[in-house]
Amino acid sequence: MAVALAAGAGAVVLGAGPEAEPAGGGRGLPPATATVVRTDLVSSKTVDGRLDYAGRRPVKSAVPGTVTVAAEEVATVRQGQALYELDDKPVTLLYGPVPMFREMRTGDRGTDVLQLERNLRDLGFGGGLYVDPRYDAATEAAVKRWQKSLNREPTGRVGKGDAVFQPGRVKVVSADAALADQVGPDRAVLTVASPRPVVRADLDQADAPLTAPGTRVEVTLPSGTTVRGKVTGTVRPGGAGAGAGDAAGGGGGGAREGITVEVTLDDGTPAGEDARATASVRFVSESRKGVLVVPVEAVVALRGENGGYGLEVVEGTKSRMVRVETGMTADGKIEVSGAALREGMRVGVAAP
C-alpha cells in the first residue's frame, strides 16, 4: 500500500514500511544507503525575467488634438517639464495623486486645486499664494505667471489638456504617438513608469503566495551577476496593478493566466546590463536553516497502531527502524527530526 506524505512543496508518495522493530527485524539490509546530513533546505522556483521600470502606466490625452512634439523615449521628466506638445502647446508634468479631471478656474474648490497650488509654489510661482483648496485671485495670478513662463496665453485658467498629474518624476518607456498623430482620451500618447529599475517576471496563478510584497528573490542578471531583491509590486491580468508606492498596470502587461511580479533589487540594477536579454529570477517560498535532511525515498510509512514515518538506520551488518517527524521538502530532500536521529547516520534507500 502506498502512503502520501504532505510536506513542504507537495505530496510525496512513500512505500509502506514495517512497524518500528528492534535491530534487524528479520529483514535483510537495504539495497543502498544515504547519509543523514545537516544543511539549509530551500524551496524555490526559478523563472525568466526582464529588466524594466516600476509601475508602467499609459498616459492619454485628456482632450483631442495633434501631437506637435512627440514624447522622448528613455527621458526622465520632472515637475514642470513637458511630457509632449499638443497643438503646439506643452503638456506639463505636475506632481500629485489626483488626475486632471476638469478645467480649474477662479471659484473652484477641491483637492485638485490644492495640489495645483503646491506645484505652483514648488516651481517658484507662488509669491503671495496661500496654499489651500480654494482657487482664488492669488491662484489665478500664480497660474498666469506660470503660463507666461511657458509662452502660453495667460488666461489664469488651467485646462484639462494643459497638465498631467503623476505621483513623481517619470521615465518615458515608450512614445505611443508619433509626430502629427491625432490623439484623444481613447489613445495613449506615451507610457511612463517610475525611474526605479525593477526586474519583471511572470508567475502562474498557483504561485500567488510568491507574489506577496517583501518575498525575497535572487536574480541572475544577463551579465551573470547574481544580486538579491524583493517583490514590491504586481501587474495582474487585465491591467489592474498593485505595488508599493507606484501605480502599476496596463502597459507592461501580465501573463494572460498568470501574474507579472515586479522585483526591486537591493542595490539597484548595475550599469551596463542588457535590457533586451533575459534574467533568471529565483523565488524562495520557504527555507529551513541547519536542519537534518535525507533523500525523500529514505522515509517510509510505518504500519501499526501508532503509524507515522521512519528511517531504516543501518549500523554495520544490522539495521533498525527509527521513528521520525518530517518537515519541508525541496529538491528531492526532506527535513527529518527525532530523538534517536543523528547527523552522519546511514539510512536505507531504494536501489538507484
Protein backbone atom coordinates (compact mmCIF):
# COMPACT_ATOMS: atom_id res chain seq x y z
CA MET A 1 0.00 0.00 0.00
CA ALA A 2 1.34 3.48 -0.87
CA VAL A 3 1.04 6.39 1.53
CA ALA A 4 1.09 10.11 0.56
CA LEU A 5 3.17 12.37 2.79
CA ALA A 6 2.16 16.05 2.52
CA ALA A 7 5.16 18.22 3.29
CA GLY A 8 6.66 21.47 2.04
CA ALA A 9 6.37 21.71 -1.73
CA GLY A 10 3.79 18.96 -2.18
CA ALA A 11 2.70 15.38 -1.64
CA VAL A 12 5.47 12.76 -1.52
CA VAL A 13 4.39 9.19 -2.19
CA LEU A 14 6.12 6.69 0.09
CA GLY A 15 6.12 2.95 0.12
CA ALA A 16 4.59 1.14 3.08
CA GLY A 17 7.13 0.29 5.76
CA PRO A 18 7.27 -2.07 8.72
CA GLU A 19 6.31 -1.23 12.25
CA ALA A 20 9.12 0.09 14.45
CA GLU A 21 11.18 -3.00 15.20
CA PRO A 22 14.34 -3.93 17.08
CA ALA A 23 17.67 -4.27 15.25
CA GLY A 24 17.50 -6.47 12.20
CA GLY A 25 13.77 -7.07 12.41
CA GLY A 26 14.12 -10.30 10.47
CA ARG A 27 14.81 -8.45 7.24
CA GLY A 28 17.89 -8.10 5.03
CA LEU A 29 19.85 -4.86 4.73
CA PRO A 30 18.50 -2.25 2.30
CA PRO A 31 19.94 -2.30 -1.25
CA ALA A 32 21.51 1.16 -0.86
CA THR A 33 22.12 3.78 1.81
CA ALA A 34 22.31 7.56 2.15
CA THR A 35 23.80 9.75 4.87
CA VAL A 36 21.81 11.98 7.21
CA VAL A 37 23.26 15.47 6.70
CA ARG A 38 22.71 18.84 8.35
CA THR A 39 22.17 21.62 5.84
CA ASP A 40 19.94 24.50 4.77
CA LEU A 41 16.83 23.41 2.91
CA VAL A 42 15.29 25.88 0.48
CA SER A 43 12.09 25.52 -1.53
CA SER A 44 12.27 27.76 -4.59
CA LYS A 45 11.03 28.39 -8.10
CA THR A 46 13.11 29.88 -10.92
CA VAL A 47 11.58 31.71 -13.90
CA ASP A 48 12.80 34.03 -16.64
CA GLY A 49 12.65 37.78 -16.04
CA ARG A 50 13.44 41.03 -17.83
CA LEU A 51 14.80 44.41 -16.82
CA ASP A 52 12.21 47.16 -16.70
CA TYR A 53 10.97 50.13 -14.68
CA ALA A 54 8.37 50.02 -11.89
CA GLY A 55 4.71 50.88 -12.33
CA ARG A 56 4.25 51.17 -16.09
CA ARG A 57 1.07 53.07 -16.98
CA PRO A 58 -0.27 54.72 -20.14
CA VAL A 59 -0.81 58.49 -20.39
CA LYS A 60 -3.73 59.51 -22.59
CA SER A 61 -4.58 62.96 -23.86
CA ALA A 62 -7.46 64.48 -21.90
CA VAL A 63 -8.53 66.45 -24.98
CA PRO A 64 -8.37 65.74 -28.74
CA GLY A 65 -5.52 67.29 -30.67
CA THR A 66 -2.46 66.82 -32.86
CA VAL A 67 0.93 65.80 -31.48
CA THR A 68 3.34 68.58 -32.46
CA VAL A 69 6.28 67.40 -30.32
CA ALA A 70 6.33 63.68 -29.52
CA ALA A 71 7.45 62.26 -26.18
CA GLU A 72 11.15 61.46 -25.94
CA GLU A 73 11.71 57.80 -25.12
CA VAL A 74 14.01 56.93 -22.17
CA ALA A 75 13.85 60.56 -20.98
CA THR A 76 13.23 61.22 -17.29
CA VAL A 77 10.68 64.02 -16.94
CA ARG A 78 10.45 66.12 -13.76
CA GLN A 79 7.97 68.53 -12.24
CA GLY A 80 7.29 71.49 -14.52
CA GLN A 81 8.76 69.88 -17.65
CA ALA A 82 6.78 69.00 -20.79
CA LEU A 83 5.87 65.38 -21.46
CA TYR A 84 4.93 66.21 -25.08
CA GLU A 85 3.26 69.03 -27.01
CA LEU A 86 -0.30 69.05 -28.27
CA ASP A 87 -1.42 71.64 -30.85
CA ASP A 88 1.88 73.45 -30.32
CA LYS A 89 1.33 73.74 -26.55
CA PRO A 90 3.33 71.89 -23.88
CA VAL A 91 1.56 69.31 -21.73
CA THR A 92 3.31 69.76 -18.40
CA LEU A 93 4.09 67.16 -15.74
CA LEU A 94 2.89 68.20 -12.29
CA TYR A 95 3.07 66.15 -9.10
CA GLY A 96 0.04 64.81 -7.26
CA PRO A 97 -2.25 61.79 -6.89
CA VAL A 98 -5.46 63.40 -8.24
CA PRO A 99 -5.82 63.18 -12.04
CA MET A 100 -6.63 66.22 -14.17
CA PHE A 101 -10.39 65.71 -14.41
CA ARG A 102 -11.64 69.25 -15.09
CA GLU A 103 -10.67 72.75 -16.09
CA MET A 104 -9.71 74.72 -12.96
CA ARG A 105 -10.65 78.40 -12.63
CA THR A 106 -11.41 81.06 -10.06
CA GLY A 107 -14.13 79.95 -7.64
CA ASP A 108 -13.29 76.23 -7.79
CA ARG A 109 -12.50 74.25 -4.64
CA GLY A 110 -11.04 70.78 -4.20
CA THR A 111 -8.00 68.59 -3.68
CA ASP A 112 -7.03 69.11 -7.31
CA VAL A 113 -6.79 72.86 -6.64
CA LEU A 114 -4.71 72.18 -3.53
CA GLN A 115 -2.18 70.06 -5.45
CA LEU A 116 -2.06 72.62 -8.28
CA GLU A 117 -1.17 75.35 -5.77
CA ARG A 118 1.53 73.14 -4.25
CA ASN A 119 3.08 72.74 -7.69
CA LEU A 120 2.91 76.48 -8.40
CA ARG A 121 4.67 77.13 -5.08
CA ASP A 122 7.34 74.47 -5.68
CA LEU A 123 8.01 75.77 -9.20
CA GLY A 124 8.56 79.31 -7.92
CA PHE A 125 5.29 80.93 -8.97
CA GLY A 126 3.67 81.06 -5.55
CA GLY A 127 4.52 84.59 -4.42
CA GLY A 128 1.59 85.83 -2.32
CA LEU A 129 -0.17 82.47 -2.68
CA TYR A 130 -1.71 80.79 0.38
CA VAL A 131 -1.78 77.07 -0.41
CA ASP A 132 -5.28 75.75 0.24
CA PRO A 133 -8.13 74.05 -1.69
CA ARG A 134 -9.54 77.39 -2.96
CA TYR A 135 -8.88 78.75 -6.46
CA ASP A 136 -8.91 82.46 -5.71
CA ALA A 137 -7.39 85.61 -7.19
CA ALA A 138 -3.93 84.74 -5.84
CA THR A 139 -4.16 81.31 -7.52
CA GLU A 140 -5.17 82.94 -10.80
CA ALA A 141 -2.21 85.34 -10.60
CA ALA A 142 0.19 82.47 -9.92
CA VAL A 143 -1.23 80.49 -12.85
CA LYS A 144 -0.74 83.48 -15.16
CA ARG A 145 2.92 83.76 -14.12
CA TRP A 146 3.36 80.05 -14.83
CA GLN A 147 1.62 80.31 -18.22
CA LYS A 148 3.82 83.25 -19.26
CA SER A 149 6.94 81.19 -18.45
CA LEU A 150 5.66 78.56 -20.91
CA ASN A 151 4.90 81.15 -23.62
CA ARG A 152 1.24 80.35 -23.29
CA GLU A 153 -1.67 82.76 -23.25
CA PRO A 154 -2.02 83.91 -19.59
CA THR A 155 -5.69 83.04 -19.12
CA GLY A 156 -5.41 82.28 -15.41
CA ARG A 157 -7.30 79.03 -16.03
CA VAL A 158 -5.81 75.52 -16.24
CA GLY A 159 -7.43 73.36 -18.91
CA LYS A 160 -7.77 69.57 -18.78
CA GLY A 161 -5.17 69.21 -21.53
CA ASP A 162 -2.64 71.61 -20.03
CA ALA A 163 -1.06 69.30 -17.48
CA VAL A 164 -0.74 65.67 -16.39
CA PHE A 165 -0.53 64.80 -12.69
CA GLN A 166 1.69 61.89 -11.66
CA PRO A 167 2.96 60.85 -8.18
CA GLY A 168 6.51 61.99 -9.01
CA ARG A 169 9.10 62.15 -11.77
CA VAL A 170 8.60 59.60 -14.53
CA LYS A 171 10.62 57.67 -17.09
CA VAL A 172 9.19 57.67 -20.62
CA VAL A 173 9.40 53.97 -21.54
CA SER A 174 7.61 54.29 -24.88
CA ALA A 175 6.30 57.03 -27.16
CA ASP A 176 2.96 55.60 -28.30
CA ALA A 177 2.00 58.54 -30.54
CA ALA A 178 4.29 59.96 -33.21
CA LEU A 179 4.59 63.49 -34.58
CA ALA A 180 1.38 64.60 -36.34
CA ASP A 181 -0.71 61.78 -34.85
CA GLN A 182 -4.26 62.62 -33.84
CA VAL A 183 -4.85 61.70 -30.18
CA GLY A 184 -7.62 61.93 -27.63
CA PRO A 185 -9.00 60.38 -24.45
CA ASP A 186 -9.18 56.93 -26.07
CA ARG A 187 -5.50 56.66 -27.05
CA ALA A 188 -2.20 56.56 -25.17
CA VAL A 189 0.26 59.28 -26.12
CA LEU A 190 3.07 57.70 -24.13
CA THR A 191 3.76 55.11 -21.48
CA VAL A 192 5.54 56.16 -18.32
CA ALA A 193 6.98 54.39 -15.30
CA SER A 194 8.80 55.20 -12.13
CA PRO A 195 12.54 55.77 -12.74
CA ARG A 196 13.12 52.97 -10.22
CA PRO A 197 14.55 49.95 -12.08
CA VAL A 198 12.94 46.58 -11.48
CA VAL A 199 13.04 43.06 -12.85
CA ARG A 200 9.71 41.70 -14.08
CA ALA A 201 8.89 38.00 -14.02
CA ASP A 202 5.76 36.01 -14.90
CA LEU A 203 4.34 33.51 -12.42
CA ASP A 204 1.39 31.13 -12.59
CA GLN A 205 -1.76 31.86 -10.58
CA ALA A 206 -0.85 28.84 -8.43
CA ASP A 207 2.28 30.72 -7.35
CA ALA A 208 0.28 33.59 -5.84
CA PRO A 209 1.95 33.18 -2.39
CA LEU A 210 5.27 34.14 -4.03
CA THR A 211 3.85 37.50 -5.14
CA ALA A 212 3.43 38.93 -1.64
CA PRO A 213 5.35 42.20 -1.15
CA GLY A 214 8.62 41.51 0.64
CA THR A 215 9.13 37.99 -0.75
CA ARG A 216 12.88 37.54 -1.11
CA VAL A 217 14.28 36.90 -4.58
CA GLU A 218 17.66 36.07 -6.12
CA VAL A 219 18.22 37.48 -9.61
CA THR A 220 20.94 36.41 -12.03
CA LEU A 221 21.32 39.35 -14.42
CA PRO A 222 22.17 38.99 -18.14
CA SER A 223 25.85 39.63 -17.33
CA GLY A 224 25.87 36.64 -14.95
CA THR A 225 25.96 38.78 -11.81
CA THR A 226 23.71 37.43 -9.03
CA VAL A 227 22.00 40.02 -6.82
CA ARG A 228 19.30 39.95 -4.16
CA GLY A 229 15.97 41.72 -4.24
CA LYS A 230 12.38 41.57 -3.07
CA VAL A 231 8.89 41.64 -4.57
CA THR A 232 7.50 45.18 -4.43
CA GLY A 233 4.51 45.04 -6.78
CA THR A 234 2.44 43.04 -9.22
CA VAL A 235 0.69 43.58 -12.53
CA ARG A 236 -2.32 41.35 -12.81
CA PRO A 237 -4.13 40.19 -15.95
CA GLY A 238 -6.42 42.86 -17.36
CA GLY A 239 -4.05 45.64 -16.31
CA ALA A 240 -5.18 46.13 -12.70
CA GLY A 241 -1.94 46.67 -10.87
CA ALA A 242 -0.76 46.84 -7.31
CA GLY A 243 2.52 48.00 -5.95
CA ALA A 244 4.39 49.64 -3.13
CA GLY A 245 4.42 53.34 -3.85
CA ASP A 246 3.66 53.02 -7.59
CA ALA A 247 0.59 52.77 -9.73
CA ALA A 248 1.18 49.57 -11.64
CA GLY A 249 -0.68 48.27 -14.62
CA GLY A 250 -1.56 48.31 -18.24
CA GLY A 251 1.45 48.94 -20.41
CA GLY A 252 3.72 46.18 -19.08
CA GLY A 253 1.03 43.51 -19.30
CA GLY A 254 0.87 40.33 -17.26
CA ALA A 255 0.84 36.72 -18.36
CA ARG A 256 -2.67 36.04 -19.65
CA GLU A 257 -3.36 33.45 -17.00
CA GLY A 258 -0.68 34.47 -14.53
CA ILE A 259 0.75 37.32 -12.52
CA THR A 260 3.61 39.60 -13.51
CA VAL A 261 5.76 40.41 -10.50
CA GLU A 262 7.96 43.46 -10.08
CA VAL A 263 11.18 42.83 -8.16
CA THR A 264 13.28 45.69 -6.78
CA LEU A 265 16.98 44.89 -6.42
CA ASP A 266 18.55 45.69 -3.06
CA ASP A 267 21.37 47.74 -4.58
CA GLY A 268 19.70 48.82 -7.83
CA THR A 269 20.49 47.50 -11.28
CA PRO A 270 24.24 47.55 -12.05
CA ALA A 271 25.22 49.73 -15.00
CA GLY A 272 25.80 48.13 -18.39
CA GLU A 273 23.15 45.39 -18.17
CA ASP A 274 21.45 44.48 -21.45
CA ALA A 275 17.76 45.33 -21.02
CA ARG A 276 16.87 43.12 -24.02
CA ALA A 277 18.41 39.98 -22.51
CA THR A 278 16.76 37.56 -20.09
CA ALA A 279 17.44 37.49 -16.36
CA SER A 280 16.90 34.44 -14.14
CA VAL A 281 14.65 35.06 -11.12
CA ARG A 282 14.63 32.64 -8.18
CA PHE A 283 11.76 32.98 -5.69
CA VAL A 284 12.28 31.45 -2.25
CA SER A 285 8.95 30.27 -0.83
CA GLU A 286 10.24 28.51 2.29
CA SER A 287 13.57 27.79 3.93
CA ARG A 288 15.00 25.95 6.94
CA LYS A 289 18.44 26.67 8.35
CA GLY A 290 20.69 23.90 9.67
CA VAL A 291 18.19 21.02 9.63
CA LEU A 292 18.77 17.27 9.23
CA VAL A 293 17.77 16.03 5.77
CA VAL A 294 17.66 12.75 3.85
CA PRO A 295 16.52 11.80 0.36
CA VAL A 296 12.71 11.68 0.15
CA GLU A 297 12.82 7.99 -0.78
CA ALA A 298 14.50 7.14 2.52
CA VAL A 299 11.35 7.92 4.51
CA VAL A 300 8.90 5.04 4.94
CA ALA A 301 5.36 4.98 6.30
CA LEU A 302 5.05 2.89 9.46
CA ARG A 303 2.15 0.48 9.80
CA GLY A 304 0.55 -0.37 13.08
CA GLU A 305 -1.41 1.37 15.78
CA ASN A 306 0.79 4.49 16.01
CA GLY A 307 1.61 4.91 12.32
CA GLY A 308 3.82 7.82 11.40
CA TYR A 309 7.10 7.78 9.49
CA GLY A 310 10.51 6.28 10.00
CA LEU A 311 14.01 5.77 8.66
CA GLU A 312 15.83 2.43 8.45
CA VAL A 313 19.14 3.17 10.16
CA VAL A 314 21.98 0.88 9.03
CA GLU A 315 24.69 0.07 11.60
CA GLY A 316 27.29 -2.42 10.36
CA THR A 317 25.53 -5.60 9.38
CA LYS A 318 22.29 -4.73 11.13
CA SER A 319 19.51 -2.18 10.68
CA ARG A 320 16.81 -0.76 12.87
CA MET A 321 13.78 1.42 12.28
CA VAL A 322 13.83 4.89 13.85
CA ARG A 323 10.65 6.92 14.13
CA VAL A 324 10.98 10.50 12.80
CA GLU A 325 8.98 13.65 12.28
CA THR A 326 9.04 15.11 8.76
CA GLY A 327 9.14 18.74 7.64
CA MET A 328 9.50 20.59 4.36
CA THR A 329 10.72 19.05 1.11
CA ALA A 330 12.88 20.60 -1.60
CA ASP A 331 14.97 19.28 -4.49
CA GLY A 332 14.29 15.64 -3.65
CA LYS A 333 15.26 16.00 0.03
CA ILE A 334 13.10 16.11 3.15
CA GLU A 335 13.60 17.56 6.61
CA VAL A 336 13.57 14.95 9.40
CA SER A 337 13.90 15.09 13.18
CA GLY A 338 13.76 12.71 16.09
CA ALA A 339 15.40 11.95 19.43
CA ALA A 340 17.27 8.92 18.03
CA LEU A 341 18.42 10.67 14.84
CA ARG A 342 21.97 11.96 14.43
CA GLU A 343 23.95 13.67 11.68
CA GLY A 344 26.15 11.16 9.82
CA MET A 345 23.87 8.14 10.28
CA ARG A 346 23.39 5.90 7.26
CA VAL A 347 19.81 5.17 6.28
CA GLY A 348 18.34 2.81 3.75
CA VAL A 349 17.08 3.90 0.36
CA ALA A 350 15.82 2.13 -2.71
CA ALA A 351 18.40 0.87 -5.21
CA PRO A 352 19.50 3.60 -7.67
